[in-house]
Amino acid sequence: MMSQKEQMLHDIGIVDFVLVELTLYLDTHPRDKRAMEYFNHYNKIKKQMMKEFSEKYFPLTKDYAESDNEWRWGMAPLPWEGGC
């Protein structure tokens, strides 16, 4: 059974995979409007998921490191502390 934190990370990974695949597709089909709509949709979802995770646990990227004027980038557990 996954913890809520692990589930959130898993879900972010799924959306990120979709975005990578859409990026590869759009590299070869740049005029596909429907694919671009999907990309924008999933990109918006990922940003929201990353924001929620960062607020609840720790930032996954430096874009989400600031919270109420507090620098939170160093709050994530290090790999040798079981953070990966």
PDB file of N, CA and C in Angstrom:
ATOM      1  N   MET A   1       0.837  -1.173   0.000  1.00  0.00           N
ATOM      2  CA  MET A   1       0.000   0.000   0.000  1.00  0.00           C
ATOM      3  C   MET A   1       0.891   1.249   0.000  1.00  0.00           C
ATOM      4  N   MET A   2       0.575   2.191  -0.846  1.00  0.00           N
ATOM      5  CA  MET A   2       1.351   3.425  -0.938  1.00  0.00           C
ATOM      6  C   MET A   2       0.824   4.469   0.036  1.00  0.00           C
ATOM      7  N   SER A   3       1.751   5.244   0.587  1.00  0.00           N
ATOM      8  CA  SER A   3       1.346   6.383   1.403  1.00  0.00           C
ATOM      9  C   SER A   3       0.785   7.461   0.472  1.00  0.00           C
ATOM     10  N   GLN A   4       0.173   8.470   1.063  1.00  0.00           N
ATOM     11  CA  GLN A   4      -0.380   9.550   0.243  1.00  0.00           C
ATOM     12  C   GLN A   4       0.738  10.262  -0.516  1.00  0.00           C
ATOM     13  N   LYS A   5       1.889  10.446   0.122  1.00  0.00           N
ATOM     14  CA  LYS A   5       3.023  11.090  -0.532  1.00  0.00           C
ATOM     15  C   LYS A   5       3.503  10.267  -1.721  1.00  0.00           C
ATOM     16  N   GLU A   6       3.626   8.953  -1.527  1.00  0.00           N
ATOM     17  CA  GLU A   6       4.054   8.076  -2.620  1.00  0.00           C
ATOM     18  C   GLU A   6       3.033   8.067  -3.760  1.00  0.00           C
ATOM     19  N   GLN A   7       1.752   8.086  -3.422  1.00  0.00           N
ATOM     20  CA  GLN A   7       0.703   8.105  -4.439  1.00  0.00           C
ATOM     21  C   GLN A   7       0.756   9.392  -5.252  1.00  0.00           C
ATOM     22  N   MET A   8       0.972  10.511  -4.565  1.00  0.00           N
ATOM     23  CA  MET A   8       1.070  11.790  -5.266  1.00  0.00           C
ATOM     24  C   MET A   8       2.270  11.797  -6.212  1.00  0.00           C
ATOM     25  N   LEU A   9       3.418  11.287  -5.744  1.00  0.00           N
ATOM     26  CA  LEU A   9       4.606  11.211  -6.597  1.00  0.00           C
ATOM     27  C   LEU A   9       4.363  10.296  -7.791  1.00  0.00           C
ATOM     28  N   HIS A  10       3.683   9.200  -7.558  1.00  0.00           N
ATOM     29  CA  HIS A  10       3.346   8.257  -8.628  1.00  0.00           C
ATOM     30  C   HIS A  10       2.465   8.935  -9.683  1.00  0.00           C
ATOM     31  N   ASP A  11       1.451   9.644  -9.226  1.00  0.00           N
ATOM     32  CA  ASP A  11       0.539  10.334 -10.141  1.00  0.00           C
ATOM     33  C   ASP A  11       1.257  11.429 -10.937  1.00  0.00           C
ATOM     34  N   ILE A  12       2.156  12.160 -10.284  1.00  0.00           N
ATOM     35  CA  ILE A  12       2.947  13.170 -10.984  1.00  0.00           C
ATOM     36  C   ILE A  12       3.801  12.499 -12.055  1.00  0.00           C
ATOM     37  N   GLY A  13       4.370  11.345 -11.737  1.00  0.00           N
ATOM     38  CA  GLY A  13       5.170  10.606 -12.717  1.00  0.00           C
ATOM     39  C   GLY A  13       4.360  10.176 -13.925  1.00  0.00           C
ATOM     40  N   ILE A  14       3.133   9.770 -13.707  1.00  0.00           N
ATOM     41  CA  ILE A  14       2.263   9.364 -14.818  1.00  0.00           C
ATOM     42  C   ILE A  14       1.987  10.549 -15.738  1.00  0.00           C
ATOM     43  N   VAL A  15       1.616  11.681 -15.157  1.00  0.00           N
ATOM     44  CA  VAL A  15       1.321  12.866 -15.964  1.00  0.00           C
ATOM     45  C   VAL A  15       2.586  13.332 -16.679  1.00  0.00           C
ATOM     46  N   ASP A  16       3.729  13.247 -16.008  1.00  0.00           N
ATOM     47  CA  ASP A  16       4.990  13.633 -16.637  1.00  0.00           C
ATOM     48  C   ASP A  16       5.302  12.733 -17.832  1.00  0.00           C
ATOM     49  N   PHE A  17       5.024  11.445 -17.712  1.00  0.00           N
ATOM     50  CA  PHE A  17       5.229  10.511 -18.826  1.00  0.00           C
ATOM     51  C   PHE A  17       4.362  10.911 -20.024  1.00  0.00           C
ATOM     52  N   VAL A  18       3.104  11.244 -19.749  1.00  0.00           N
ATOM     53  CA  VAL A  18       2.193  11.683 -20.818  1.00  0.00           C
ATOM     54  C   VAL A  18       2.761  12.920 -21.510  1.00  0.00           C
ATOM     55  N   LEU A  19       3.279  13.865 -20.728  1.00  0.00           N
ATOM     56  CA  LEU A  19       3.843  15.082 -21.306  1.00  0.00           C
ATOM     57  C   LEU A  19       5.080  14.808 -22.149  1.00  0.00           C
ATOM     58  N   VAL A  20       5.922  13.876 -21.716  1.00  0.00           N
ATOM     59  CA  VAL A  20       7.101  13.513 -22.508  1.00  0.00           C
ATOM     60  C   VAL A  20       6.668  12.914 -23.839  1.00  0.00           C
ATOM     61  N   GLU A  21       5.701  12.026 -23.805  1.00  0.00           N
ATOM     62  CA  GLU A  21       5.225  11.404 -25.039  1.00  0.00           C
ATOM     63  C   GLU A  21       4.575  12.432 -25.969  1.00  0.00           C
ATOM     64  N   LEU A  22       3.797  13.324 -25.401  1.00  0.00           N
ATOM     65  CA  LEU A  22       3.180  14.370 -26.222  1.00  0.00           C
ATOM     66  C   LEU A  22       4.244  15.296 -26.816  1.00  0.00           C
ATOM     67  N   THR A  23       5.285  15.590 -26.052  1.00  0.00           N
ATOM     68  CA  THR A  23       6.383  16.413 -26.565  1.00  0.00           C
ATOM     69  C   THR A  23       7.048  15.743 -27.755  1.00  0.00           C
ATOM     70  N   LEU A  24       7.317  14.454 -27.637  1.00  0.00           N
ATOM     71  CA  LEU A  24       7.937  13.720 -28.747  1.00  0.00           C
ATOM     72  C   LEU A  24       7.028  13.727 -29.976  1.00  0.00           C
ATOM     73  N   TYR A  25       5.745  13.539 -29.760  1.00  0.00           N
ATOM     74  CA  TYR A  25       4.791  13.562 -30.872  1.00  0.00           C
ATOM     75  C   TYR A  25       4.747  14.943 -31.517  1.00  0.00           C
ATOM     76  N   LEU A  26       4.681  15.980 -30.682  1.00  0.00           N
ATOM     77  CA  LEU A  26       4.605  17.346 -31.209  1.00  0.00           C
ATOM     78  C   LEU A  26       5.887  17.760 -31.929  1.00  0.00           C
ATOM     79  N   ASP A  27       7.015  17.148 -31.579  1.00  0.00           N
ATOM     80  CA  ASP A  27       8.259  17.419 -32.307  1.00  0.00           C
ATOM     81  C   ASP A  27       8.138  17.034 -33.780  1.00  0.00           C
ATOM     82  N   THR A  28       7.354  16.013 -34.055  1.00  0.00           N
ATOM     83  CA  THR A  28       7.197  15.555 -35.435  1.00  0.00           C
ATOM     84  C   THR A  28       5.864  15.974 -36.059  1.00  0.00           C
ATOM     85  N   HIS A  29       4.949  16.460 -35.243  1.00  0.00           N
ATOM     86  CA  HIS A  29       3.625  16.898 -35.717  1.00  0.00           C
ATOM     87  C   HIS A  29       3.287  18.256 -35.087  1.00  0.00           C
ATOM     88  N   PRO A  30       4.064  19.285 -35.358  1.00  0.00           N
ATOM     89  CA  PRO A  30       3.889  20.564 -34.656  1.00  0.00           C
ATOM     90  C   PRO A  30       2.581  21.295 -34.953  1.00  0.00           C
ATOM     91  N   ARG A  31       1.875  20.912 -35.980  1.00  0.00           N
ATOM     92  CA  ARG A  31       0.625  21.597 -36.328  1.00  0.00           C
ATOM     93  C   ARG A  31      -0.630  20.858 -35.847  1.00  0.00           C
ATOM     94  N   ASP A  32      -0.442  19.792 -35.096  1.00  0.00           N
ATOM     95  CA  ASP A  32      -1.572  19.020 -34.587  1.00  0.00           C
ATOM     96  C   ASP A  32      -2.202  19.770 -33.407  1.00  0.00           C
ATOM     97  N   LYS A  33      -3.292  20.465 -33.681  1.00  0.00           N
ATOM     98  CA  LYS A  33      -3.933  21.298 -32.662  1.00  0.00           C
ATOM     99  C   LYS A  33      -4.488  20.476 -31.500  1.00  0.00           C
ATOM    100  N   ARG A  34      -5.023  19.324 -31.814  1.00  0.00           N
ATOM    101  CA  ARG A  34      -5.584  18.480 -30.755  1.00  0.00           C
ATOM    102  C   ARG A  34      -4.491  18.002 -29.799  1.00  0.00           C
ATOM    103  N   ALA A  35      -3.344  17.621 -30.347  1.00  0.00           N
ATOM    104  CA  ALA A  35      -2.222  17.199 -29.501  1.00  0.00           C
ATOM    105  C   ALA A  35      -1.742  18.357 -28.632  1.00  0.00           C
ATOM    106  N   MET A  36      -1.741  19.558 -29.196  1.00  0.00           N
ATOM    107  CA  MET A  36      -1.338  20.735 -28.431  1.00  0.00           C
ATOM    108  C   MET A  36      -2.321  21.020 -27.306  1.00  0.00           C
ATOM    109  N   GLU A  37      -3.600  20.808 -27.567  1.00  0.00           N
ATOM    110  CA  GLU A  37      -4.614  20.975 -26.526  1.00  0.00           C
ATOM    111  C   GLU A  37      -4.395  19.967 -25.399  1.00  0.00           C
ATOM    112  N   TYR A  38      -4.111  18.709 -25.766  1.00  0.00           N
ATOM    113  CA  TYR A  38      -3.802  17.690 -24.754  1.00  0.00           C
ATOM    114  C   TYR A  38      -2.579  18.094 -23.940  1.00  0.00           C
ATOM    115  N   PHE A  39      -1.537  18.565 -24.634  1.00  0.00           N
ATOM    116  CA  PHE A  39      -0.315  18.968 -23.956  1.00  0.00           C
ATOM    117  C   PHE A  39      -0.611  20.085 -22.952  1.00  0.00           C
ATOM    118  N   ASN A  40      -1.330  21.097 -23.375  1.00  0.00           N
ATOM    119  CA  ASN A  40      -1.656  22.213 -22.476  1.00  0.00           C
ATOM    120  C   ASN A  40      -2.502  21.749 -21.295  1.00  0.00           C
ATOM    121  N   HIS A  41      -3.438  20.853 -21.550  1.00  0.00           N
ATOM    122  CA  HIS A  41      -4.299  20.310 -20.501  1.00  0.00           C
ATOM    123  C   HIS A  41      -3.470  19.566 -19.446  1.00  0.00           C
ATOM    124  N   TYR A  42      -2.640  18.642 -19.887  1.00  0.00           N
ATOM    125  CA  TYR A  42      -1.845  17.848 -18.941  1.00  0.00           C
ATOM    126  C   TYR A  42      -0.746  18.675 -18.289  1.00  0.00           C
ATOM    127  N   ASN A  43      -0.240  19.669 -18.973  1.00  0.00           N
ATOM    128  CA  ASN A  43       0.765  20.545 -18.380  1.00  0.00           C
ATOM    129  C   ASN A  43       0.150  21.346 -17.226  1.00  0.00           C
ATOM    130  N   LYS A  44      -1.080  21.798 -17.409  1.00  0.00           N
ATOM    131  CA  LYS A  44      -1.790  22.522 -16.359  1.00  0.00           C
ATOM    132  C   LYS A  44      -2.038  21.601 -15.156  1.00  0.00           C
ATOM    133  N   ILE A  45      -2.426  20.367 -15.432  1.00  0.00           N
ATOM    134  CA  ILE A  45      -2.656  19.395 -14.360  1.00  0.00           C
ATOM    135  C   ILE A  45      -1.362  19.140 -13.594  1.00  0.00           C
ATOM    136  N   LYS A  46      -0.256  18.948 -14.314  1.00  0.00           N
ATOM    137  CA  LYS A  46       1.018  18.678 -13.647  1.00  0.00           C
ATOM    138  C   LYS A  46       1.444  19.850 -12.768  1.00  0.00           C
ATOM    139  N   LYS A  47       1.289  21.058 -13.263  1.00  0.00           N
ATOM    140  CA  LYS A  47       1.656  22.230 -12.461  1.00  0.00           C
ATOM    141  C   LYS A  47       0.853  22.270 -11.168  1.00  0.00           C
ATOM    142  N   GLN A  48      -0.440  21.978 -11.248  1.00  0.00           N
ATOM    143  CA  GLN A  48      -1.275  21.965 -10.052  1.00  0.00           C
ATOM    144  C   GLN A  48      -0.840  20.853  -9.095  1.00  0.00           C
ATOM    145  N   MET A  49      -0.546  19.678  -9.631  1.00  0.00           N
ATOM    146  CA  MET A  49      -0.106  18.563  -8.794  1.00  0.00           C
ATOM    147  C   MET A  49       1.218  18.881  -8.104  1.00  0.00           C
ATOM    148  N   MET A  50       2.141  19.492  -8.852  1.00  0.00           N
ATOM    149  CA  MET A  50       3.447  19.858  -8.291  1.00  0.00           C
ATOM    150  C   MET A  50       3.267  20.904  -7.180  1.00  0.00           C
ATOM    151  N   LYS A  51       2.386  21.853  -7.400  1.00  0.00           N
ATOM    152  CA  LYS A  51       2.126  22.887  -6.397  1.00  0.00           C
ATOM    153  C   LYS A  51       1.556  22.263  -5.128  1.00  0.00           C
ATOM    154  N   GLU A  52       0.578  21.390  -5.279  1.00  0.00           N
ATOM    155  CA  GLU A  52      -0.038  20.734  -4.120  1.00  0.00           C
ATOM    156  C   GLU A  52       0.977  19.884  -3.364  1.00  0.00           C
ATOM    157  N   PHE A  53       1.800  19.131  -4.096  1.00  0.00           N
ATOM    158  CA  PHE A  53       2.809  18.305  -3.439  1.00  0.00           C
ATOM    159  C   PHE A  53       3.800  19.183  -2.691  1.00  0.00           C
ATOM    160  N   SER A  54       4.246  20.259  -3.331  1.00  0.00           N
ATOM    161  CA  SER A  54       5.222  21.162  -2.718  1.00  0.00           C
ATOM    162  C   SER A  54       4.683  21.796  -1.450  1.00  0.00           C
ATOM    163  N   GLU A  55       3.424  22.158  -1.457  1.00  0.00           N
ATOM    164  CA  GLU A  55       2.817  22.761  -0.270  1.00  0.00           C
ATOM    165  C   GLU A  55       2.679  21.752   0.864  1.00  0.00           C
ATOM    166  N   LYS A  56       2.387  20.516   0.522  1.00  0.00           N
ATOM    167  CA  LYS A  56       2.148  19.495   1.546  1.00  0.00           C
ATOM    168  C   LYS A  56       3.436  18.855   2.066  1.00  0.00           C
ATOM    169  N   TYR A  57       4.429  18.662   1.180  1.00  0.00           N
ATOM    170  CA  TYR A  57       5.641  17.946   1.576  1.00  0.00           C
ATOM    171  C   TYR A  57       6.898  18.799   1.372  1.00  0.00           C
ATOM    172  N   PHE A  58       7.393  18.839   0.163  1.00  0.00           N
ATOM    173  CA  PHE A  58       8.599  19.608  -0.168  1.00  0.00           C
ATOM    174  C   PHE A  58       8.605  19.854  -1.662  1.00  0.00           C
ATOM    175  N   PRO A  59       9.299  20.895  -2.100  1.00  0.00           N
ATOM    176  CA  PRO A  59       9.321  21.199  -3.539  1.00  0.00           C
ATOM    177  C   PRO A  59      10.118  20.151  -4.317  1.00  0.00           C
ATOM    178  N   LEU A  60       9.593  19.795  -5.490  1.00  0.00           N
ATOM    179  CA  LEU A  60      10.283  18.845  -6.357  1.00  0.00           C
ATOM    180  C   LEU A  60      11.199  19.554  -7.347  1.00  0.00           C
ATOM    181  N   THR A  61      10.923  20.818  -7.610  1.00  0.00           N
ATOM    182  CA  THR A  61      11.775  21.649  -8.460  1.00  0.00           C
ATOM    183  C   THR A  61      11.929  23.007  -7.784  1.00  0.00           C
ATOM    184  N   LYS A  62      12.923  23.742  -8.216  1.00  0.00           N
ATOM    185  CA  LYS A  62      13.166  25.055  -7.615  1.00  0.00           C
ATOM    186  C   LYS A  62      12.034  26.038  -7.899  1.00  0.00           C
ATOM    187  N   ASP A  63      11.248  25.776  -8.915  1.00  0.00           N
ATOM    188  CA  ASP A  63      10.102  26.641  -9.232  1.00  0.00           C
ATOM    189  C   ASP A  63       9.101  26.711  -8.080  1.00  0.00           C
ATOM    190  N   TYR A  64       9.074  25.682  -7.255  1.00  0.00           N
ATOM    191  CA  TYR A  64       8.114  25.595  -6.160  1.00  0.00           C
ATOM    192  C   TYR A  64       8.801  25.672  -4.801  1.00  0.00           C
ATOM    193  N   ALA A  65       9.999  26.220  -4.756  1.00  0.00           N
ATOM    194  CA  ALA A  65      10.793  26.236  -3.522  1.00  0.00           C
ATOM    195  C   ALA A  65      10.350  27.304  -2.534  1.00  0.00           C
ATOM    196  N   GLU A  66       9.711  28.356  -2.994  1.00  0.00           N
ATOM    197  CA  GLU A  66       9.308  29.435  -2.098  1.00  0.00           C
ATOM    198  C   GLU A  66       7.874  29.235  -1.641  1.00  0.00           C
ATOM    199  N   SER A  67       7.668  29.397  -0.360  1.00  0.00           N
ATOM    200  CA  SER A  67       6.320  29.309   0.197  1.00  0.00           C
ATOM    201  C   SER A  67       6.204  30.350   1.300  1.00  0.00           C
ATOM    202  N   ASP A  68       5.347  31.349   1.104  1.00  0.00           N
ATOM    203  CA  ASP A  68       5.175  32.425   2.086  1.00  0.00           C
ATOM    204  C   ASP A  68       6.511  33.037   2.492  1.00  0.00           C
ATOM    205  N   ASN A  69       7.317  33.370   1.493  1.00  0.00           N
ATOM    206  CA  ASN A  69       8.615  34.019   1.693  1.00  0.00           C
ATOM    207  C   ASN A  69       9.608  33.160   2.471  1.00  0.00           C
ATOM    208  N   GLU A  70       9.413  31.856   2.442  1.00  0.00           N
ATOM    209  CA  GLU A  70      10.328  30.923   3.094  1.00  0.00           C
ATOM    210  C   GLU A  70      10.937  30.028   2.020  1.00  0.00           C
ATOM    211  N   TRP A  71      12.263  29.926   2.003  1.00  0.00           N
ATOM    212  CA  TRP A  71      12.965  29.093   1.038  1.00  0.00           C
ATOM    213  C   TRP A  71      12.911  27.650   1.509  1.00  0.00           C
ATOM    214  N   ARG A  72      12.270  26.770   0.727  1.00  0.00           N
ATOM    215  CA  ARG A  72      12.034  25.391   1.163  1.00  0.00           C
ATOM    216  C   ARG A  72      12.803  24.351   0.349  1.00  0.00           C
ATOM    217  N   TRP A  73      13.712  24.793  -0.521  1.00  0.00           N
ATOM    218  CA  TRP A  73      14.385  23.860  -1.416  1.00  0.00           C
ATOM    219  C   TRP A  73      15.147  22.775  -0.656  1.00  0.00           C
ATOM    220  N   GLY A  74      15.763  23.095   0.441  1.00  0.00           N
ATOM    221  CA  GLY A  74      16.566  22.118   1.183  1.00  0.00           C
ATOM    222  C   GLY A  74      15.774  21.236   2.124  1.00  0.00           C
ATOM    223  N   MET A  75      14.457  21.287   2.090  1.00  0.00           N
ATOM    224  CA  MET A  75      13.631  20.515   3.013  1.00  0.00           C
ATOM    225  C   MET A  75      13.414  19.066   2.584  1.00  0.00           C
ATOM    226  N   ALA A  76      13.675  18.756   1.328  1.00  0.00           N
ATOM    227  CA  ALA A  76      13.454  17.388   0.847  1.00  0.00           C
ATOM    228  C   ALA A  76      14.476  16.446   1.468  1.00  0.00           C
ATOM    229  N   PRO A  77      14.072  15.219   1.770  1.00  0.00           N
ATOM    230  CA  PRO A  77      15.045  14.249   2.294  1.00  0.00           C
ATOM    231  C   PRO A  77      16.087  13.935   1.211  1.00  0.00           C
ATOM    232  N   LEU A  78      17.300  13.763   1.637  1.00  0.00           N
ATOM    233  CA  LEU A  78      18.379  13.432   0.714  1.00  0.00           C
ATOM    234  C   LEU A  78      18.290  11.950   0.324  1.00  0.00           C
ATOM    235  N   PRO A  79      18.891  11.581  -0.804  1.00  0.00           N
ATOM    236  CA  PRO A  79      18.772  10.174  -1.265  1.00  0.00           C
ATOM    237  C   PRO A  79      19.168   9.150  -0.202  1.00  0.00           C
ATOM    238  N   TRP A  80      20.217   9.438   0.570  1.00  0.00           N
ATOM    239  CA  TRP A  80      20.664   8.473   1.577  1.00  0.00           C
ATOM    240  C   TRP A  80      19.754   8.487   2.816  1.00  0.00           C
ATOM    241  N   GLU A  81      18.790   9.409   2.836  1.00  0.00           N
ATOM    242  CA  GLU A  81      17.813   9.446   3.908  1.00  0.00           C
ATOM    243  C   GLU A  81      16.492   8.812   3.466  1.00  0.00           C
ATOM    244  N   GLY A  82      16.494   8.148   2.323  1.00  0.00           N
ATOM    245  CA  GLY A  82      15.298   7.500   1.809  1.00  0.00           C
ATOM    246  C   GLY A  82      14.416   8.430   1.003  1.00  0.00           C
ATOM    247  N   GLY A  83      15.006   9.502   0.447  1.00  0.00           N
ATOM    248  CA  GLY A  83      14.220  10.488  -0.284  1.00  0.00           C
ATOM    249  C   GLY A  83      13.974  10.143  -1.741  1.00  0.00           C
ATOM    250  N   CYS A  84      14.547   9.087  -2.248  1.00  0.00           N
ATOM    251  CA  CYS A  84      14.362   8.749  -3.664  1.00  0.00           C
ATOM    252  C   CYS A  84      13.478   7.553  -3.821  1.00  0.00           C
TER     253      CYS A  84
END
